[in-house]
Amino acid sequence: MPNALKTALLLGVLSALLLAIGEALGGAQGLVLGFAFAVVTNFASYWFSDKIVLRMYRAQEVGPDHRLHRIVTDLAARAGLPQPRCYVIPEASPNAFATGRNPQHSAVAATEGILRLLDDEELQGVLGHELAHVKHRDILTSSVAATLAAAIMMISRFAMFFGGSRDDDRGSNPVALIAMMILAPIAAMLIQMAISRSREYAADAGGAAIAGSPFGLASALRKLEAASKAVPLAANPATAHMFIIKPFSLSGIGGLFRTHPPTEKRIEALLQGPRS
């Protein structure tokens, strides 16, 4: 299944799950409230997620004289993208991410650690990957998925403490309601992780095309896998999906809960060329 179609279907399932929880807790009124909550949270995510995440990691903007800015400028021109803002994060752990609601309002952030670790060819591969996310509008997709998942978890937790009520005559099955409160957040997390993993493969391929070769990114991923384990990043779990490689201070529980595909599989896919 094409990545774009898969992502659209998964986002649809997330939205439907949020509405189902609202309907289960409050009948028709709960369904309307669930829909309203989905609209509000998606709006907030669209406009403010970039500012929030950059502030969260104390990112400092850099200008044209900085190595990061020069490489991003060159790659953005190759990709036909507007010039993104460039930020350096004061962290020794090597990592990078892109953010922004669209290519006209995008930003690329890299840690001090990754700038020290990688040579220019490897850094081009990493930054090409991030610009591919910008070009594919993955940042918006991931932000919406993360926001919907967070909304589902919040509503489920609220319902667990305060219960729900229905406005129709059918009543509700308390066992089914409790099961939904427990299972819905897990399902939301699994769907969010699946969206993240599917977009990483596409960004790897797109980044290699922007950089002109898959070898820089492949070499960078090998270095980042080892270095991130040695110097983990204390990342907020809600933003883990944004980084080029999983922040290793976050422990996974099996493959389904991974925000990124296994690094060795990403390298294998890169060196085999674009998927059909």
Protein backbone atom coordinates (compact mmCIF):
# COMPACT_ATOMS: atom_id res chain seq x y z
CA MET A 1 0.00 0.00 0.00
CA PRO A 2 1.44 3.48 -0.87
CA ASN A 3 2.68 5.39 2.16
CA ALA A 4 0.38 8.37 1.55
CA LEU A 5 -2.74 6.18 1.41
CA LYS A 6 -1.64 4.20 4.45
CA THR A 7 -1.10 7.44 6.40
CA ALA A 8 -4.50 8.84 5.40
CA LEU A 9 -6.23 5.62 6.48
CA LEU A 10 -4.45 5.57 9.82
CA LEU A 11 -5.33 9.21 10.50
CA GLY A 12 -8.93 8.41 9.65
CA VAL A 13 -8.91 5.54 12.14
CA LEU A 14 -7.48 7.83 14.84
CA SER A 15 -10.21 10.41 14.23
CA ALA A 16 -12.91 7.72 14.22
CA LEU A 17 -11.57 6.33 17.48
CA LEU A 18 -11.79 9.75 19.12
CA LEU A 19 -15.39 10.15 17.93
CA ALA A 20 -16.27 6.63 19.11
CA ILE A 21 -15.01 7.40 22.60
CA GLY A 22 -17.08 10.58 22.68
CA GLU A 23 -20.19 8.69 21.55
CA ALA A 24 -19.61 5.88 24.09
CA LEU A 25 -19.23 8.34 26.94
CA GLY A 26 -22.00 10.77 26.09
CA GLY A 27 -24.18 9.52 23.25
CA ALA A 28 -24.95 12.03 20.49
CA GLN A 29 -23.79 14.95 22.62
CA GLY A 30 -20.52 13.16 23.36
CA LEU A 31 -20.05 12.50 19.64
CA VAL A 32 -20.37 16.21 18.89
CA LEU A 33 -18.00 17.09 21.74
CA GLY A 34 -15.49 14.50 20.51
CA PHE A 35 -15.62 16.01 17.01
CA ALA A 36 -15.20 19.54 18.39
CA PHE A 37 -12.25 18.41 20.50
CA ALA A 38 -10.61 16.83 17.43
CA VAL A 39 -11.03 20.08 15.45
CA VAL A 40 -9.63 22.27 18.24
CA THR A 41 -6.63 20.04 18.93
CA ASN A 42 -5.77 19.76 15.24
CA PHE A 43 -6.01 23.54 14.82
CA ALA A 44 -3.70 24.14 17.79
CA SER A 45 -1.24 21.55 16.51
CA TYR A 46 -1.21 23.11 13.03
CA TRP A 47 -0.39 26.63 14.22
CA PHE A 48 1.74 26.22 17.32
CA SER A 49 3.58 22.87 17.36
CA ASP A 50 6.80 24.27 15.80
CA LYS A 51 7.14 27.08 18.35
CA ILE A 52 6.41 24.73 21.25
CA VAL A 53 8.93 22.06 20.28
CA LEU A 54 11.74 24.53 19.49
CA ARG A 55 11.27 26.22 22.85
CA MET A 56 11.08 22.84 24.59
CA TYR A 57 14.61 21.96 23.40
CA ARG A 58 16.05 25.48 23.91
CA ALA A 59 16.88 25.73 20.22
CA GLN A 60 18.86 28.81 19.14
CA GLU A 61 18.50 30.20 15.61
CA VAL A 62 21.69 30.49 13.52
CA GLY A 63 22.43 32.57 10.45
CA PRO A 64 24.09 32.16 7.03
CA ASP A 65 27.62 31.99 8.47
CA HIS A 66 26.87 28.77 10.35
CA ARG A 67 27.74 25.36 8.84
CA LEU A 68 24.20 24.07 9.45
CA HIS A 69 22.63 27.03 7.65
CA ARG A 70 24.97 26.73 4.64
CA ILE A 71 24.22 23.03 4.10
CA VAL A 72 20.46 23.49 4.57
CA THR A 73 20.46 26.41 2.09
CA ASP A 74 22.18 24.30 -0.57
CA LEU A 75 19.88 21.30 -0.05
CA ALA A 76 16.70 23.40 0.04
CA ALA A 77 17.66 24.93 -3.32
CA ARG A 78 18.20 21.44 -4.78
CA ALA A 79 14.82 20.31 -3.44
CA GLY A 80 12.99 23.40 -4.69
CA LEU A 81 11.99 24.39 -1.15
CA PRO A 82 11.87 27.82 0.51
CA GLN A 83 14.75 28.54 2.90
CA PRO A 84 13.94 26.97 6.29
CA ARG A 85 14.98 28.62 9.54
CA CYS A 86 17.94 26.81 11.13
CA TYR A 87 18.39 26.08 14.83
CA VAL A 88 21.07 24.50 16.99
CA ILE A 89 20.05 22.58 20.13
CA PRO A 90 22.53 22.72 23.03
CA GLU A 91 22.68 18.93 23.52
CA ALA A 92 25.64 16.54 23.28
CA SER A 93 23.43 13.67 22.06
CA PRO A 94 23.51 13.57 18.23
CA ASN A 95 20.08 14.08 16.65
CA ALA A 96 18.06 16.37 14.39
CA PHE A 97 14.48 17.13 13.41
CA ALA A 98 12.37 19.38 11.19
CA THR A 99 9.22 21.19 12.21
CA GLY A 100 6.74 23.73 10.85
CA ARG A 101 3.23 23.56 9.44
CA ASN A 102 4.26 23.83 5.76
CA PRO A 103 7.37 24.43 3.60
CA GLN A 104 6.92 28.21 3.88
CA HIS A 105 7.05 28.02 7.70
CA SER A 106 9.57 25.23 8.23
CA ALA A 107 12.56 24.95 10.53
CA VAL A 108 15.42 22.47 10.79
CA ALA A 109 17.08 21.84 14.15
CA ALA A 110 20.27 19.91 14.86
CA THR A 111 22.02 19.21 18.14
CA GLU A 112 25.58 20.31 18.84
CA GLY A 113 26.40 16.61 19.14
CA ILE A 114 25.38 15.73 15.58
CA LEU A 115 27.29 18.69 14.15
CA ARG A 116 30.45 17.43 15.86
CA LEU A 117 29.91 13.78 14.96
CA LEU A 118 29.15 13.87 11.23
CA ASP A 119 31.21 14.98 8.25
CA ASP A 120 29.62 17.13 5.55
CA GLU A 121 28.44 14.22 3.36
CA GLU A 122 26.78 12.51 6.32
CA LEU A 123 25.22 15.75 7.53
CA GLN A 124 23.86 16.38 4.02
CA GLY A 125 22.16 12.98 4.17
CA VAL A 126 20.58 13.73 7.55
CA LEU A 127 19.45 17.23 6.58
CA GLY A 128 18.18 15.92 3.24
CA HIS A 129 16.05 13.46 5.23
CA GLU A 130 14.63 16.34 7.29
CA LEU A 131 13.91 18.43 4.20
CA ALA A 132 12.15 15.43 2.65
CA HIS A 133 9.85 15.48 5.70
CA VAL A 134 9.20 19.17 4.94
CA LYS A 135 8.57 18.48 1.25
CA HIS A 136 6.17 15.61 2.02
CA ARG A 137 4.44 17.70 4.74
CA ASP A 138 5.12 14.89 7.19
CA ILE A 139 5.54 17.37 10.03
CA LEU A 140 1.90 18.37 9.82
CA THR A 141 0.80 14.74 9.44
CA SER A 142 2.84 13.63 12.45
CA SER A 143 1.67 16.59 14.54
CA VAL A 144 -1.97 15.83 13.79
CA ALA A 145 -1.46 12.14 14.59
CA ALA A 146 0.31 12.95 17.84
CA THR A 147 -2.35 15.46 18.84
CA LEU A 148 -5.22 13.08 18.08
CA ALA A 149 -3.50 10.30 20.00
CA ALA A 150 -2.91 12.62 22.96
CA ALA A 151 -6.56 13.73 22.86
CA ILE A 152 -7.74 10.10 22.92
CA MET A 153 -5.49 9.35 25.89
CA MET A 154 -6.65 12.49 27.72
CA ILE A 155 -10.35 11.77 27.19
CA SER A 156 -9.93 8.14 28.20
CA ARG A 157 -8.08 9.11 31.37
CA PHE A 158 -10.72 11.73 32.17
CA ALA A 159 -13.49 9.18 31.65
CA MET A 160 -11.74 6.67 33.88
CA PHE A 161 -11.76 9.12 36.77
CA PHE A 162 -15.12 10.79 36.23
CA GLY A 163 -17.15 8.20 34.29
CA GLY A 164 -19.45 8.88 31.38
CA SER A 165 -23.14 9.40 30.78
CA ARG A 166 -25.40 8.90 27.79
CA ASP A 167 -28.30 10.95 26.56
CA ASP A 168 -30.23 8.11 24.93
CA ASP A 169 -32.43 5.31 26.25
CA ARG A 170 -30.11 2.45 25.42
CA GLY A 171 -27.81 2.99 28.36
CA SER A 172 -24.26 1.73 28.20
CA ASN A 173 -22.43 -1.47 28.88
CA PRO A 174 -20.04 -0.68 31.76
CA VAL A 175 -17.69 -3.54 30.85
CA ALA A 176 -17.44 -2.33 27.25
CA LEU A 177 -16.93 1.24 28.46
CA ILE A 178 -14.08 0.26 30.77
CA ALA A 179 -12.50 -1.83 28.00
CA MET A 180 -12.64 1.15 25.64
CA MET A 181 -11.06 3.43 28.26
CA ILE A 182 -8.16 0.99 28.60
CA LEU A 183 -7.75 -0.17 25.00
CA ALA A 184 -8.39 3.09 23.13
CA PRO A 185 -5.17 4.82 24.33
CA ILE A 186 -3.14 1.72 23.42
CA ALA A 187 -4.72 1.60 19.96
CA ALA A 188 -4.09 5.32 19.49
CA MET A 189 -0.42 4.91 20.39
CA LEU A 190 0.00 1.96 18.03
CA ILE A 191 -1.56 3.88 15.14
CA GLN A 192 0.60 6.95 15.82
CA MET A 193 3.74 4.79 15.84
CA ALA A 194 2.72 3.07 12.58
CA ILE A 195 2.27 6.47 10.89
CA SER A 196 5.68 7.58 12.12
CA ARG A 197 7.45 4.45 10.86
CA SER A 198 5.85 4.62 7.40
CA ARG A 199 6.94 8.24 6.95
CA GLU A 200 10.56 7.52 7.97
CA TYR A 201 11.16 5.16 5.05
CA ALA A 202 9.77 7.71 2.61
CA ALA A 203 11.89 10.50 4.13
CA ASP A 204 15.03 8.34 3.93
CA ALA A 205 14.47 7.77 0.20
CA GLY A 206 13.58 11.42 -0.37
CA GLY A 207 16.59 12.60 1.61
CA ALA A 208 18.94 10.43 -0.43
CA ALA A 209 17.48 11.92 -3.63
CA ILE A 210 17.95 15.49 -2.34
CA ALA A 211 21.52 14.80 -1.17
CA GLY A 212 22.32 13.01 -4.44
CA SER A 213 23.41 9.73 -2.84
CA PRO A 214 22.17 7.28 -0.18
CA PHE A 215 25.66 6.64 1.21
CA GLY A 216 25.97 9.74 3.38
CA LEU A 217 22.69 9.06 5.16
CA ALA A 218 23.46 5.35 5.51
CA SER A 219 26.82 6.14 7.13
CA ALA A 220 25.20 8.79 9.34
CA LEU A 221 22.54 6.36 10.57
CA ARG A 222 25.23 3.85 11.58
CA LYS A 223 27.09 6.50 13.57
CA LEU A 224 23.92 7.91 15.12
CA GLU A 225 22.69 4.50 16.25
CA ALA A 226 25.87 3.89 18.26
CA ALA A 227 26.41 7.44 19.49
CA SER A 228 22.79 7.96 20.60
CA LYS A 229 23.02 4.86 22.79
CA ALA A 230 26.25 6.11 24.35
CA VAL A 231 24.91 9.66 24.86
CA PRO A 232 21.10 9.42 25.07
CA LEU A 233 18.86 12.43 24.59
CA ALA A 234 16.39 13.24 27.36
CA ALA A 235 13.55 13.72 24.90
CA ASN A 236 9.88 14.28 25.59
CA PRO A 237 8.05 11.08 24.50
CA ALA A 238 5.46 13.19 22.64
CA THR A 239 8.18 14.49 20.29
CA ALA A 240 10.22 11.28 19.85
CA HIS A 241 8.75 10.66 16.39
CA MET A 242 10.23 13.94 15.09
CA PHE A 243 13.91 13.02 15.41
CA ILE A 244 16.10 11.45 12.71
CA ILE A 245 16.76 8.54 15.07
CA LYS A 246 14.94 7.36 18.17
CA PRO A 247 16.16 9.11 21.35
CA PHE A 248 17.61 6.17 23.23
CA SER A 249 16.64 7.46 26.65
CA LEU A 250 13.13 6.28 25.66
CA SER A 251 12.75 2.53 26.12
CA GLY A 252 10.56 0.69 23.61
CA ILE A 253 8.19 -2.19 24.29
CA GLY A 254 8.49 -4.29 21.17
CA GLY A 255 8.41 -3.30 17.52
CA LEU A 256 4.81 -2.06 17.49
CA PHE A 257 5.66 0.75 19.91
CA ARG A 258 8.71 1.99 17.97
CA THR A 259 8.56 5.52 16.57
CA HIS A 260 11.21 4.56 13.98
CA PRO A 261 11.91 1.43 11.93
CA PRO A 262 15.00 -0.54 13.03
CA THR A 263 18.09 1.33 11.84
CA GLU A 264 19.51 -1.70 10.04
CA LYS A 265 16.30 -2.00 8.00
CA ARG A 266 16.43 1.69 7.11
CA ILE A 267 20.02 1.33 5.89
CA GLU A 268 19.13 -1.80 3.90
CA ALA A 269 16.18 -0.02 2.24
CA LEU A 270 18.37 3.00 1.44
CA LEU A 271 21.09 0.95 -0.23
CA GLN A 272 18.56 -1.12 -2.19
CA GLY A 273 17.09 1.99 -3.74
CA PRO A 274 13.49 3.33 -3.89
CA ARG A 275 10.69 0.90 -3.04
CA SER A 276 8.15 0.09 -5.68
